[in-house]
PDB file of all heavy atoms in Angstrom:
ATOM      1  N   LYS A   1       6.212  29.770  10.777  1.00  0.00           N
ATOM      2  CA  LYS A   1       6.188  28.576  11.487  1.00  0.00           C
ATOM      3  C   LYS A   1       5.160  27.598  10.804  1.00  0.00           C
ATOM      4  O   LYS A   1       5.469  26.404  10.718  1.00  0.00           O
ATOM      5  CB  LYS A   1       5.740  28.845  12.918  1.00  0.00           C
ATOM      6  CG  LYS A   1       5.926  27.664  13.862  1.00  0.00           C
ATOM      7  CD  LYS A   1       5.601  28.037  15.261  1.00  0.00           C
ATOM      8  CE  LYS A   1       5.771  26.955  16.262  1.00  0.00           C
ATOM      9  NZ  LYS A   1       5.457  27.296  17.618  1.00  0.00           N
ATOM     10  N   ASP A   2       4.031  28.167  10.392  1.00  0.00           N
ATOM     11  CA  ASP A   2       3.032  27.277   9.749  1.00  0.00           C
ATOM     12  C   ASP A   2       3.549  26.789   8.373  1.00  0.00           C
ATOM     13  O   ASP A   2       3.355  25.605   8.043  1.00  0.00           O
ATOM     14  CB  ASP A   2       1.695  28.106   9.434  1.00  0.00           C
ATOM     15  CG  ASP A   2       1.026  28.461  10.700  1.00  0.00           C
ATOM     16  OD1 ASP A   2       1.179  27.766  11.729  1.00  0.00           O
ATOM     17  OD2 ASP A   2       0.245  29.500  10.681  1.00  0.00           O
ATOM     18  N   LEU A   3       4.287  27.600   7.736  1.00  0.00           N
ATOM     19  CA  LEU A   3       4.885  27.162   6.446  1.00  0.00           C
ATOM     20  C   LEU A   3       5.892  26.169   6.673  1.00  0.00           C
ATOM     21  O   LEU A   3       6.082  25.150   5.833  1.00  0.00           O
ATOM     22  CB  LEU A   3       5.480  28.392   5.659  1.00  0.00           C
ATOM     23  CG  LEU A   3       4.444  29.452   5.155  1.00  0.00           C
ATOM     24  CD1 LEU A   3       5.170  30.577   4.539  1.00  0.00           C
ATOM     25  CD2 LEU A   3       3.596  28.709   4.105  1.00  0.00           C
ATOM     26  N   SER A   4       6.728  26.286   7.710  1.00  0.00           N
ATOM     27  CA  SER A   4       7.688  25.216   8.063  1.00  0.00           C
ATOM     28  C   SER A   4       7.009  23.888   8.427  1.00  0.00           C
ATOM     29  O   SER A   4       7.511  22.847   7.989  1.00  0.00           O
ATOM     30  CB  SER A   4       8.482  25.661   9.238  1.00  0.00           C
ATOM     31  OG  SER A   4       9.187  26.815   9.004  1.00  0.00           O
ATOM     32  N   TYR A   5       5.928  23.945   9.089  1.00  0.00           N
ATOM     33  CA  TYR A   5       5.131  22.668   9.389  1.00  0.00           C
ATOM     34  C   TYR A   5       4.619  22.053   8.122  1.00  0.00           C
ATOM     35  O   TYR A   5       4.674  20.858   7.907  1.00  0.00           O
ATOM     36  CB  TYR A   5       4.000  22.948  10.373  1.00  0.00           C
ATOM     37  CG  TYR A   5       4.467  23.166  11.779  1.00  0.00           C
ATOM     38  CD1 TYR A   5       3.869  24.152  12.585  1.00  0.00           C
ATOM     39  CD2 TYR A   5       5.436  22.308  12.336  1.00  0.00           C
ATOM     40  CE1 TYR A   5       4.232  24.374  13.825  1.00  0.00           C
ATOM     41  CE2 TYR A   5       5.816  22.551  13.628  1.00  0.00           C
ATOM     42  CZ  TYR A   5       5.232  23.560  14.392  1.00  0.00           C
ATOM     43  OH  TYR A   5       5.623  23.709  15.683  1.00  0.00           O
ATOM     44  N   ILE A   6       4.167  22.829   7.221  1.00  0.00           N
ATOM     45  CA  ILE A   6       3.632  22.278   5.943  1.00  0.00           C
ATOM     46  C   ILE A   6       4.727  21.670   5.101  1.00  0.00           C
ATOM     47  O   ILE A   6       4.617  20.624   4.635  1.00  0.00           O
ATOM     48  CB  ILE A   6       2.939  23.515   5.150  1.00  0.00           C
ATOM     49  CG1 ILE A   6       1.676  23.903   5.886  1.00  0.00           C
ATOM     50  CG2 ILE A   6       2.663  22.992   3.700  1.00  0.00           C
ATOM     51  CD1 ILE A   6       1.044  25.086   5.241  1.00  0.00           C
ATOM     52  N   GLU A   7       5.884  22.312   5.049  1.00  0.00           N
ATOM     53  CA  GLU A   7       7.048  21.797   4.323  1.00  0.00           C
ATOM     54  C   GLU A   7       7.551  20.483   4.993  1.00  0.00           C
ATOM     55  O   GLU A   7       7.898  19.513   4.364  1.00  0.00           O
ATOM     56  CB  GLU A   7       8.215  22.844   4.267  1.00  0.00           C
ATOM     57  CG  GLU A   7       7.955  23.946   3.323  1.00  0.00           C
ATOM     58  CD  GLU A   7       9.064  25.028   3.398  1.00  0.00           C
ATOM     59  OE1 GLU A   7       9.960  24.847   4.204  1.00  0.00           O
ATOM     60  OE2 GLU A   7       8.942  25.913   2.589  1.00  0.00           O
ATOM     61  N   LEU A   8       7.531  20.468   6.344  1.00  0.00           N
ATOM     62  CA  LEU A   8       7.974  19.262   7.030  1.00  0.00           C
ATOM     63  C   LEU A   8       6.995  18.112   6.858  1.00  0.00           C
ATOM     64  O   LEU A   8       7.408  16.968   6.646  1.00  0.00           O
ATOM     65  CB  LEU A   8       8.065  19.558   8.567  1.00  0.00           C
ATOM     66  CG  LEU A   8       8.636  18.537   9.462  1.00  0.00           C
ATOM     67  CD1 LEU A   8      10.065  18.223   9.033  1.00  0.00           C
ATOM     68  CD2 LEU A   8       8.552  18.945  10.944  1.00  0.00           C
ATOM     69  N   LYS A   9       5.730  18.424   6.748  1.00  0.00           N
ATOM     70  CA  LYS A   9       4.709  17.390   6.496  1.00  0.00           C
ATOM     71  C   LYS A   9       4.906  16.791   5.015  1.00  0.00           C
ATOM     72  O   LYS A   9       4.877  15.650   4.836  1.00  0.00           O
ATOM     73  CB  LYS A   9       3.317  17.977   6.587  1.00  0.00           C
ATOM     74  CG  LYS A   9       2.134  17.025   6.517  1.00  0.00           C
ATOM     75  CD  LYS A   9       0.875  17.715   6.712  1.00  0.00           C
ATOM     76  CE  LYS A   9      -0.253  16.761   6.474  1.00  0.00           C
ATOM     77  NZ  LYS A   9      -1.528  17.406   6.622  1.00  0.00           N
ATOM     78  N   GLU A  10       5.218  17.679   4.106  1.00  0.00           N
ATOM     79  CA  GLU A  10       5.413  17.262   2.717  1.00  0.00           C
ATOM     80  C   GLU A  10       6.664  16.418   2.685  1.00  0.00           C
ATOM     81  O   GLU A  10       6.715  15.420   1.972  1.00  0.00           O
ATOM     82  CB  GLU A  10       5.536  18.466   1.780  1.00  0.00           C
ATOM     83  CG  GLU A  10       4.275  19.148   1.534  1.00  0.00           C
ATOM     84  CD  GLU A  10       4.458  20.361   0.713  1.00  0.00           C
ATOM     85  OE1 GLU A  10       5.595  20.729   0.291  1.00  0.00           O
ATOM     86  OE2 GLU A  10       3.471  21.060   0.350  1.00  0.00           O
ATOM     87  N   LEU A  11       7.742  16.816   3.353  1.00  0.00           N
ATOM     88  CA  LEU A  11       8.962  16.081   3.386  1.00  0.00           C
ATOM     89  C   LEU A  11       8.741  14.654   4.068  1.00  0.00           C
ATOM     90  O   LEU A  11       9.307  13.680   3.551  1.00  0.00           O
ATOM     91  CB  LEU A  11      10.025  16.821   4.160  1.00  0.00           C
ATOM     92  CG  LEU A  11      11.481  16.294   4.172  1.00  0.00           C
ATOM     93  CD1 LEU A  11      11.975  16.250   2.813  1.00  0.00           C
ATOM     94  CD2 LEU A  11      12.314  17.119   5.095  1.00  0.00           C
ATOM     95  N   GLY A  12       7.963  14.603   5.075  1.00  0.00           N
ATOM     96  CA  GLY A  12       7.708  13.283   5.734  1.00  0.00           C
ATOM     97  C   GLY A  12       6.868  12.406   4.745  1.00  0.00           C
ATOM     98  O   GLY A  12       7.183  11.181   4.738  1.00  0.00           O
ATOM     99  N   GLY A  13       5.960  13.017   4.056  1.00  0.00           N
ATOM    100  CA  GLY A  13       5.201  12.181   2.969  1.00  0.00           C
ATOM    101  C   GLY A  13       6.168  11.714   1.914  1.00  0.00           C
ATOM    102  O   GLY A  13       6.071  10.495   1.482  1.00  0.00           O
ATOM    103  N   PHE A  14       7.112  12.492   1.489  1.00  0.00           N
ATOM    104  CA  PHE A  14       8.041  12.098   0.437  1.00  0.00           C
ATOM    105  C   PHE A  14       8.920  10.916   0.996  1.00  0.00           C
ATOM    106  O   PHE A  14       9.241  10.044   0.261  1.00  0.00           O
ATOM    107  CB  PHE A  14       8.867  13.287   0.055  1.00  0.00           C
ATOM    108  CG  PHE A  14       9.981  12.980  -0.916  1.00  0.00           C
ATOM    109  CD1 PHE A  14       9.684  12.643  -2.290  1.00  0.00           C
ATOM    110  CD2 PHE A  14      11.362  12.933  -0.569  1.00  0.00           C
ATOM    111  CE1 PHE A  14      10.657  12.303  -3.219  1.00  0.00           C
ATOM    112  CE2 PHE A  14      12.241  12.613  -1.429  1.00  0.00           C
ATOM    113  CZ  PHE A  14      11.967  12.332  -2.773  1.00  0.00           C
ATOM    114  N   ARG A  15       9.386  11.066   2.249  1.00  0.00           N
ATOM    115  CA  ARG A  15      10.148  10.080   2.820  1.00  0.00           C
ATOM    116  C   ARG A  15       9.408   8.702   2.940  1.00  0.00           C
ATOM    117  O   ARG A  15       9.913   7.667   2.606  1.00  0.00           O
ATOM    118  CB  ARG A  15      10.646  10.441   4.204  1.00  0.00           C
ATOM    119  CG  ARG A  15      11.608   9.401   4.875  1.00  0.00           C
ATOM    120  CD  ARG A  15      11.915   9.710   6.327  1.00  0.00           C
ATOM    121  NE  ARG A  15      12.724   8.767   6.867  1.00  0.00           N
ATOM    122  CZ  ARG A  15      12.300   7.533   7.308  1.00  0.00           C
ATOM    123  NH1 ARG A  15      11.042   7.264   7.214  1.00  0.00           N
ATOM    124  NH2 ARG A  15      13.186   6.690   7.828  1.00  0.00           N
ATOM    125  N   ARG A  16       8.137   8.853   3.360  1.00  0.00           N
ATOM    126  CA  ARG A  16       7.319   7.553   3.436  1.00  0.00           C
ATOM    127  C   ARG A  16       7.255   6.852   2.075  1.00  0.00           C
ATOM    128  O   ARG A  16       7.390   5.712   1.973  1.00  0.00           O
ATOM    129  CB  ARG A  16       5.960   7.895   3.910  1.00  0.00           C
ATOM    130  CG  ARG A  16       5.806   7.781   5.430  1.00  0.00           C
ATOM    131  CD  ARG A  16       4.424   7.833   5.912  1.00  0.00           C
ATOM    132  NE  ARG A  16       3.638   8.984   5.456  1.00  0.00           N
ATOM    133  CZ  ARG A  16       3.685  10.211   6.021  1.00  0.00           C
ATOM    134  NH1 ARG A  16       4.419  10.383   7.093  1.00  0.00           N
ATOM    135  NH2 ARG A  16       2.969  11.185   5.571  1.00  0.00           N
ATOM    136  N   LYS A  17       7.021   7.718   0.989  1.00  0.00           N
ATOM    137  CA  LYS A  17       6.860   7.123  -0.299  1.00  0.00           C
ATOM    138  C   LYS A  17       8.179   6.508  -0.807  1.00  0.00           C
ATOM    139  O   LYS A  17       8.178   5.444  -1.383  1.00  0.00           O
ATOM    140  CB  LYS A  17       6.422   8.231  -1.337  1.00  0.00           C
ATOM    141  CG  LYS A  17       4.962   8.491  -1.307  1.00  0.00           C
ATOM    142  CD  LYS A  17       4.602   9.268  -2.583  1.00  0.00           C
ATOM    143  CE  LYS A  17       4.167  10.684  -2.170  1.00  0.00           C
ATOM    144  NZ  LYS A  17       3.798  11.474  -3.377  1.00  0.00           N
ATOM    145  N   THR A  18       9.289   7.203  -0.481  1.00  0.00           N
ATOM    146  CA  THR A  18      10.628   6.706  -0.856  1.00  0.00           C
ATOM    147  C   THR A  18      10.881   5.423  -0.211  1.00  0.00           C
ATOM    148  O   THR A  18      11.446   4.459  -0.775  1.00  0.00           O
ATOM    149  CB  THR A  18      11.706   7.764  -0.608  1.00  0.00           C
ATOM    150  OG1 THR A  18      11.272   8.969  -1.243  1.00  0.00           O
ATOM    151  CG2 THR A  18      13.042   7.318  -1.192  1.00  0.00           C
ATOM    152  N   VAL A  19      10.710   5.298   1.098  1.00  0.00           N
ATOM    153  CA  VAL A  19      10.894   4.072   1.866  1.00  0.00           C
ATOM    154  C   VAL A  19      10.018   2.943   1.350  1.00  0.00           C
ATOM    155  O   VAL A  19      10.524   1.832   1.198  1.00  0.00           O
ATOM    156  CB  VAL A  19      10.639   4.310   3.398  1.00  0.00           C
ATOM    157  CG1 VAL A  19      10.615   2.991   4.183  1.00  0.00           C
ATOM    158  CG2 VAL A  19      11.786   5.227   3.947  1.00  0.00           C
ATOM    159  N   LYS A  20       8.778   3.283   1.042  1.00  0.00           N
ATOM    160  CA  LYS A  20       7.892   2.204   0.503  1.00  0.00           C
ATOM    161  C   LYS A  20       8.379   1.760  -0.853  1.00  0.00           C
ATOM    162  O   LYS A  20       8.379   0.529  -1.071  1.00  0.00           O
ATOM    163  CB  LYS A  20       6.436   2.801   0.404  1.00  0.00           C
ATOM    164  CG  LYS A  20       5.435   1.850   0.160  1.00  0.00           C
ATOM    165  CD  LYS A  20       4.058   2.498   0.209  1.00  0.00           C
ATOM    166  CE  LYS A  20       2.965   1.524   0.068  1.00  0.00           C
ATOM    167  NZ  LYS A  20       1.612   2.169   0.203  1.00  0.00           N
ATOM    168  N   GLN A  21       8.847   2.637  -1.625  1.00  0.00           N
ATOM    169  CA  GLN A  21       9.324   2.226  -3.033  1.00  0.00           C
ATOM    170  C   GLN A  21      10.588   1.446  -2.835  1.00  0.00           C
ATOM    171  O   GLN A  21      10.856   0.435  -3.594  1.00  0.00           O
ATOM    172  CB  GLN A  21       9.642   3.437  -3.856  1.00  0.00           C
ATOM    173  CG  GLN A  21      10.114   3.201  -5.199  1.00  0.00           C
ATOM    174  CD  GLN A  21      10.334   4.455  -6.014  1.00  0.00           C
ATOM    175  OE1 GLN A  21      10.494   5.541  -5.426  1.00  0.00           O
ATOM    176  NE2 GLN A  21      10.433   4.313  -7.265  1.00  0.00           N
ATOM    177  N   CYS A  22      11.470   1.795  -1.924  1.00  0.00           N
ATOM    178  CA  CYS A  22      12.717   1.060  -1.668  1.00  0.00           C
ATOM    179  C   CYS A  22      12.402  -0.330  -1.142  1.00  0.00           C
ATOM    180  O   CYS A  22      13.083  -1.336  -1.553  1.00  0.00           O
ATOM    181  CB  CYS A  22      13.607   1.836  -0.644  1.00  0.00           C
ATOM    182  SG  CYS A  22      15.177   1.094  -0.292  1.00  0.00           S
ATOM    183  N   THR A  23      11.467  -0.471  -0.302  1.00  0.00           N
ATOM    184  CA  THR A  23      11.090  -1.808   0.221  1.00  0.00           C
ATOM    185  C   THR A  23      10.540  -2.692  -0.879  1.00  0.00           C
ATOM    186  O   THR A  23      10.886  -3.843  -0.957  1.00  0.00           O
ATOM    187  CB  THR A  23       9.958  -1.640   1.338  1.00  0.00           C
ATOM    188  OG1 THR A  23      10.463  -0.745   2.369  1.00  0.00           O
ATOM    189  CG2 THR A  23       9.576  -2.894   1.901  1.00  0.00           C
ATOM    190  N   ARG A  24       9.662  -2.085  -1.720  1.00  0.00           N
ATOM    191  CA  ARG A  24       9.108  -2.843  -2.872  1.00  0.00           C
ATOM    192  C   ARG A  24      10.270  -3.333  -3.755  1.00  0.00           C
ATOM    193  O   ARG A  24      10.280  -4.518  -4.292  1.00  0.00           O
ATOM    194  CB  ARG A  24       8.215  -1.987  -3.697  1.00  0.00           C
ATOM    195  CG  ARG A  24       6.877  -1.824  -3.076  1.00  0.00           C
ATOM    196  CD  ARG A  24       5.945  -1.101  -4.054  1.00  0.00           C
ATOM    197  NE  ARG A  24       4.655  -0.804  -3.392  1.00  0.00           N
ATOM    198  CZ  ARG A  24       3.996   0.304  -3.633  1.00  0.00           C
ATOM    199  NH1 ARG A  24       4.415   1.160  -4.565  1.00  0.00           N
ATOM    200  NH2 ARG A  24       2.844   0.515  -2.971  1.00  0.00           N
ATOM    201  N   LEU A  25      11.188  -2.419  -4.045  1.00  0.00           N
ATOM    202  CA  LEU A  25      12.340  -2.882  -4.916  1.00  0.00           C
ATOM    203  C   LEU A  25      13.199  -3.989  -4.322  1.00  0.00           C
ATOM    204  O   LEU A  25      13.704  -4.928  -4.958  1.00  0.00           O
ATOM    205  CB  LEU A  25      13.174  -1.694  -5.285  1.00  0.00           C
ATOM    206  CG  LEU A  25      12.572  -0.646  -6.211  1.00  0.00           C
ATOM    207  CD1 LEU A  25      13.490   0.548  -6.382  1.00  0.00           C
ATOM    208  CD2 LEU A  25      12.401  -1.278  -7.567  1.00  0.00           C
ATOM    209  N   LYS A  26      13.405  -3.846  -2.926  1.00  0.00           N
ATOM    210  CA  LYS A  26      14.176  -4.916  -2.275  1.00  0.00           C
ATOM    211  C   LYS A  26      13.509  -6.206  -2.318  1.00  0.00           C
ATOM    212  O   LYS A  26      14.142  -7.262  -2.529  1.00  0.00           O
ATOM    213  CB  LYS A  26      14.387  -4.512  -0.835  1.00  0.00           C
ATOM    214  CG  LYS A  26      15.599  -3.582  -0.606  1.00  0.00           C
ATOM    215  CD  LYS A  26      15.801  -3.381   0.875  1.00  0.00           C
ATOM    216  CE  LYS A  26      16.984  -2.536   1.188  1.00  0.00           C
ATOM    217  NZ  LYS A  26      17.304  -2.360   2.568  1.00  0.00           N
ATOM    218  N   ILE A  27      12.199  -6.203  -2.127  1.00  0.00           N
ATOM    219  CA  ILE A  27      11.380  -7.467  -2.269  1.00  0.00           C
ATOM    220  C   ILE A  27      11.502  -8.010  -3.622  1.00  0.00           C
ATOM    221  O   ILE A  27      11.668  -9.280  -3.803  1.00  0.00           O
ATOM    222  CB  ILE A  27       9.892  -7.200  -1.805  1.00  0.00           C
ATOM    223  CG1 ILE A  27       9.857  -6.874  -0.285  1.00  0.00           C
ATOM    224  CG2 ILE A  27       9.042  -8.458  -2.158  1.00  0.00           C
ATOM    225  CD1 ILE A  27       8.538  -6.415   0.210  1.00  0.00           C
ATOM    226  N   ARG A  28      11.340  -7.281  -4.656  1.00  0.00           N
ATOM    227  CA  ARG A  28      11.411  -7.778  -5.974  1.00  0.00           C
ATOM    228  C   ARG A  28      12.835  -8.325  -6.348  1.00  0.00           C
ATOM    229  O   ARG A  28      12.923  -9.348  -6.940  1.00  0.00           O
ATOM    230  CB  ARG A  28      11.088  -6.663  -7.037  1.00  0.00           C
ATOM    231  CG  ARG A  28       9.583  -6.331  -7.075  1.00  0.00           C
ATOM    232  CD  ARG A  28       9.266  -5.222  -8.017  1.00  0.00           C
ATOM    233  NE  ARG A  28       9.715  -5.500  -9.353  1.00  0.00           N
ATOM    234  CZ  ARG A  28       9.820  -4.604 -10.279  1.00  0.00           C
ATOM    235  NH1 ARG A  28       9.458  -3.315 -10.034  1.00  0.00           N
ATOM    236  NH2 ARG A  28      10.226  -4.927 -11.503  1.00  0.00           N
ATOM    237  N   LEU A  29      13.837  -7.569  -5.834  1.00  0.00           N
ATOM    238  CA  LEU A  29      15.181  -8.056  -6.053  1.00  0.00           C
ATOM    239  C   LEU A  29      15.438  -9.268  -5.335  1.00  0.00           C
ATOM    240  O   LEU A  29      16.068 -10.226  -5.876  1.00  0.00           O
ATOM    241  CB  LEU A  29      16.196  -6.949  -5.600  1.00  0.00           C
ATOM    242  CG  LEU A  29      17.664  -7.320  -5.742  1.00  0.00           C
ATOM    243  CD1 LEU A  29      18.019  -7.406  -7.208  1.00  0.00           C
ATOM    244  CD2 LEU A  29      18.528  -6.290  -5.024  1.00  0.00           C
ATOM    245  N   THR A  30      14.954  -9.432  -4.105  1.00  0.00           N
ATOM    246  CA  THR A  30      15.260 -10.686  -3.358  1.00  0.00           C
ATOM    247  C   THR A  30      14.522 -11.845  -3.969  1.00  0.00           C
ATOM    248  O   THR A  30      15.065 -12.917  -4.060  1.00  0.00           O
ATOM    249  CB  THR A  30      14.702 -10.498  -1.897  1.00  0.00           C
ATOM    250  OG1 THR A  30      15.334  -9.370  -1.346  1.00  0.00           O
ATOM    251  CG2 THR A  30      14.943 -11.663  -1.115  1.00  0.00           C
ATOM    252  N   SER A  31      13.277 -11.653  -4.419  1.00  0.00           N
ATOM    253  CA  SER A  31      12.550 -12.712  -5.064  1.00  0.00           C
ATOM    254  C   SER A  31      13.249 -13.123  -6.312  1.00  0.00           C
ATOM    255  O   SER A  31      13.360 -14.373  -6.541  1.00  0.00           O
ATOM    256  CB  SER A  31      11.136 -12.388  -5.249  1.00  0.00           C
ATOM    257  OG  SER A  31      11.041 -11.348  -6.229  1.00  0.00           O
ATOM    258  N   TYR A  32      13.705 -12.275  -7.137  1.00  0.00           N
ATOM    259  CA  TYR A  32      14.434 -12.596  -8.358  1.00  0.00           C
ATOM    260  C   TYR A  32      15.731 -13.267  -8.028  1.00  0.00           C
ATOM    261  O   TYR A  32      16.042 -14.294  -8.563  1.00  0.00           O
ATOM    262  CB  TYR A  32      14.648 -11.368  -9.201  1.00  0.00           C
ATOM    263  CG  TYR A  32      15.483 -11.627 -10.405  1.00  0.00           C
ATOM    264  CD1 TYR A  32      14.967 -12.338 -11.446  1.00  0.00           C
ATOM    265  CD2 TYR A  32      16.859 -11.271 -10.474  1.00  0.00           C
ATOM    266  CE1 TYR A  32      15.771 -12.580 -12.619  1.00  0.00           C
ATOM    267  CE2 TYR A  32      17.618 -11.550 -11.616  1.00  0.00           C
ATOM    268  CZ  TYR A  32      17.050 -12.155 -12.600  1.00  0.00           C
ATOM    269  OH  TYR A  32      17.746 -12.541 -13.729  1.00  0.00           O
ATOM    270  N   LEU A  33      16.471 -12.722  -7.110  1.00  0.00           N
ATOM    271  CA  LEU A  33      17.775 -13.199  -6.739  1.00  0.00           C
ATOM    272  C   LEU A  33      17.662 -14.647  -6.123  1.00  0.00           C
ATOM    273  O   LEU A  33      18.440 -15.515  -6.506  1.00  0.00           O
ATOM    274  CB  LEU A  33      18.477 -12.313  -5.752  1.00  0.00           C
ATOM    275  CG  LEU A  33      19.871 -12.575  -5.362  1.00  0.00           C
ATOM    276  CD1 LEU A  33      20.817 -12.448  -6.525  1.00  0.00           C
ATOM    277  CD2 LEU A  33      20.296 -11.723  -4.203  1.00  0.00           C
ATOM    278  N   LEU A  34      16.810 -14.793  -5.179  1.00  0.00           N
ATOM    279  CA  LEU A  34      16.695 -16.084  -4.473  1.00  0.00           C
ATOM    280  C   LEU A  34      15.989 -17.109  -5.295  1.00  0.00           C
ATOM    281  O   LEU A  34      16.351 -18.359  -5.214  1.00  0.00           O
ATOM    282  CB  LEU A  34      16.026 -15.871  -3.171  1.00  0.00           C
ATOM    283  CG  LEU A  34      16.748 -14.982  -2.167  1.00  0.00           C
ATOM    284  CD1 LEU A  34      15.940 -14.938  -0.888  1.00  0.00           C
ATOM    285  CD2 LEU A  34      18.097 -15.565  -1.832  1.00  0.00           C
ATOM    286  N   ASN A  35      15.007 -16.765  -6.089  1.00  0.00           N
ATOM    287  CA  ASN A  35      14.184 -17.817  -6.771  1.00  0.00           C
ATOM    288  C   ASN A  35      14.811 -18.238  -8.161  1.00  0.00           C
ATOM    289  O   ASN A  35      14.576 -19.295  -8.576  1.00  0.00           O
ATOM    290  CB  ASN A  35      12.768 -17.401  -6.921  1.00  0.00           C
ATOM    291  CG  ASN A  35      12.097 -17.197  -5.610  1.00  0.00           C
ATOM    292  OD1 ASN A  35      12.434 -17.821  -4.633  1.00  0.00           O
ATOM    293  ND2 ASN A  35      11.087 -16.298  -5.624  1.00  0.00           N
ATOM    294  N   GLN A  36      15.556 -17.332  -8.750  1.00  0.00           N
ATOM    295  CA  GLN A  36      15.943 -17.565 -10.082  1.00  0.00           C
ATOM    296  C   GLN A  36      17.421 -17.686 -10.310  1.00  0.00           C
ATOM    297  O   GLN A  36      17.937 -18.499 -11.127  1.00  0.00           O
ATOM    298  CB  GLN A  36      15.392 -16.538 -11.067  1.00  0.00           C
ATOM    299  CG  GLN A  36      13.865 -16.491 -11.150  1.00  0.00           C
ATOM    300  CD  GLN A  36      13.346 -15.523 -12.114  1.00  0.00           C
ATOM    301  OE1 GLN A  36      14.082 -14.774 -12.755  1.00  0.00           O
ATOM    302  NE2 GLN A  36      12.065 -15.329 -12.147  1.00  0.00           N
ATOM    303  N   VAL A  37      18.242 -16.930  -9.577  1.00  0.00           N
ATOM    304  CA  VAL A  37      19.631 -16.961  -9.797  1.00  0.00           C
ATOM    305  C   VAL A  37      20.389 -17.788  -8.774  1.00  0.00           C
ATOM    306  O   VAL A  37      21.238 -18.604  -9.128  1.00  0.00           O
ATOM    307  CB  VAL A  37      20.154 -15.493  -9.829  1.00  0.00           C
ATOM    308  CG1 VAL A  37      21.702 -15.478  -9.994  1.00  0.00           C
ATOM    309  CG2 VAL A  37      19.468 -14.687 -10.896  1.00  0.00           C
ATOM    310  N   PHE A  38      20.124 -17.513  -7.526  1.00  0.00           N
ATOM    311  CA  PHE A  38      21.019 -18.090  -6.491  1.00  0.00           C
ATOM    312  C   PHE A  38      20.151 -18.639  -5.304  1.00  0.00           C
ATOM    313  O   PHE A  38      19.939 -17.914  -4.335  1.00  0.00           O
ATOM    314  CB  PHE A  38      21.924 -16.965  -6.046  1.00  0.00           C
ATOM    315  CG  PHE A  38      23.120 -17.446  -5.305  1.00  0.00           C
ATOM    316  CD1 PHE A  38      24.102 -16.471  -5.013  1.00  0.00           C
ATOM    317  CD2 PHE A  38      23.362 -18.751  -5.047  1.00  0.00           C
ATOM    318  CE1 PHE A  38      25.332 -16.881  -4.456  1.00  0.00           C
ATOM    319  CE2 PHE A  38      24.595 -19.127  -4.465  1.00  0.00           C
ATOM    320  CZ  PHE A  38      25.476 -18.226  -4.131  1.00  0.00           C
ATOM    321  N   LEU A  39      19.657 -19.823  -5.427  1.00  0.00           N
ATOM    322  CA  LEU A  39      18.798 -20.485  -4.484  1.00  0.00           C
ATOM    323  C   LEU A  39      19.527 -20.631  -3.120  1.00  0.00           C
ATOM    324  O   LEU A  39      18.810 -20.625  -2.058  1.00  0.00           O
ATOM    325  CB  LEU A  39      18.227 -21.759  -5.004  1.00  0.00           C
ATOM    326  CG  LEU A  39      17.360 -21.643  -6.150  1.00  0.00           C
ATOM    327  CD1 LEU A  39      17.005 -23.033  -6.770  1.00  0.00           C
ATOM    328  CD2 LEU A  39      16.017 -20.937  -5.909  1.00  0.00           C
ATOM    329  N   GLU A  40      20.807 -21.011  -3.124  1.00  0.00           N
ATOM    330  CA  GLU A  40      21.473 -21.395  -1.868  1.00  0.00           C
ATOM    331  C   GLU A  40      21.888 -20.171  -0.986  1.00  0.00           C
ATOM    332  O   GLU A  40      22.300 -20.319   0.032  1.00  0.00           O
ATOM    333  CB  GLU A  40      22.743 -22.098  -2.196  1.00  0.00           C
ATOM    334  CG  GLU A  40      22.498 -23.372  -3.049  1.00  0.00           C
ATOM    335  CD  GLU A  40      22.490 -23.161  -4.495  1.00  0.00           C
ATOM    336  OE1 GLU A  40      22.789 -22.026  -4.950  1.00  0.00           O
ATOM    337  OE2 GLU A  40      22.067 -24.067  -5.191  1.00  0.00           O
ATOM    338  N   LEU A  41      21.728 -18.924  -1.543  1.00  0.00           N
ATOM    339  CA  LEU A  41      22.252 -17.742  -0.859  1.00  0.00           C
ATOM    340  C   LEU A  41      21.554 -17.519   0.494  1.00  0.00           C
ATOM    341  O   LEU A  41      22.209 -17.218   1.511  1.00  0.00           O
ATOM    342  CB  LEU A  41      22.101 -16.459  -1.708  1.00  0.00           C
ATOM    343  CG  LEU A  41      22.636 -15.204  -1.164  1.00  0.00           C
ATOM    344  CD1 LEU A  41      24.194 -15.356  -1.135  1.00  0.00           C
ATOM    345  CD2 LEU A  41      22.262 -14.088  -2.051  1.00  0.00           C
ATOM    346  N   GLN A  42      20.273 -17.802   0.536  1.00  0.00           N
ATOM    347  CA  GLN A  42      19.542 -17.565   1.785  1.00  0.00           C
ATOM    348  C   GLN A  42      19.926 -18.570   2.887  1.00  0.00           C
ATOM    349  O   GLN A  42      19.834 -18.254   4.063  1.00  0.00           O
ATOM    350  CB  GLN A  42      17.992 -17.630   1.530  1.00  0.00           C
ATOM    351  CG  GLN A  42      17.178 -17.126   2.674  1.00  0.00           C
ATOM    352  CD  GLN A  42      15.733 -17.037   2.259  1.00  0.00           C
ATOM    353  OE1 GLN A  42      15.295 -17.536   1.228  1.00  0.00           O
ATOM    354  NE2 GLN A  42      15.005 -16.195   2.924  1.00  0.00           N
ATOM    355  N   CYS A  43      20.432 -19.704   2.557  1.00  0.00           N
ATOM    356  CA  CYS A  43      20.829 -20.734   3.545  1.00  0.00           C
ATOM    357  C   CYS A  43      22.101 -20.242   4.239  1.00  0.00           C
ATOM    358  O   CYS A  43      22.320 -20.561   5.448  1.00  0.00           O
ATOM    359  CB  CYS A  43      21.070 -22.068   2.926  1.00  0.00           C
ATOM    360  SG  CYS A  43      19.564 -22.762   2.135  1.00  0.00           S
TER     361      CYS A  43
END
């Protein structure tokens, strides 16, 4: 049971890192897309 909790904790940390990385990539993509390629899209 303790080992399961440890694995679950590691999995939660991995998920947090992955979500954070995905958010950063979305922000970078949005800034590139909206500011340089397609300004009218957000309207």
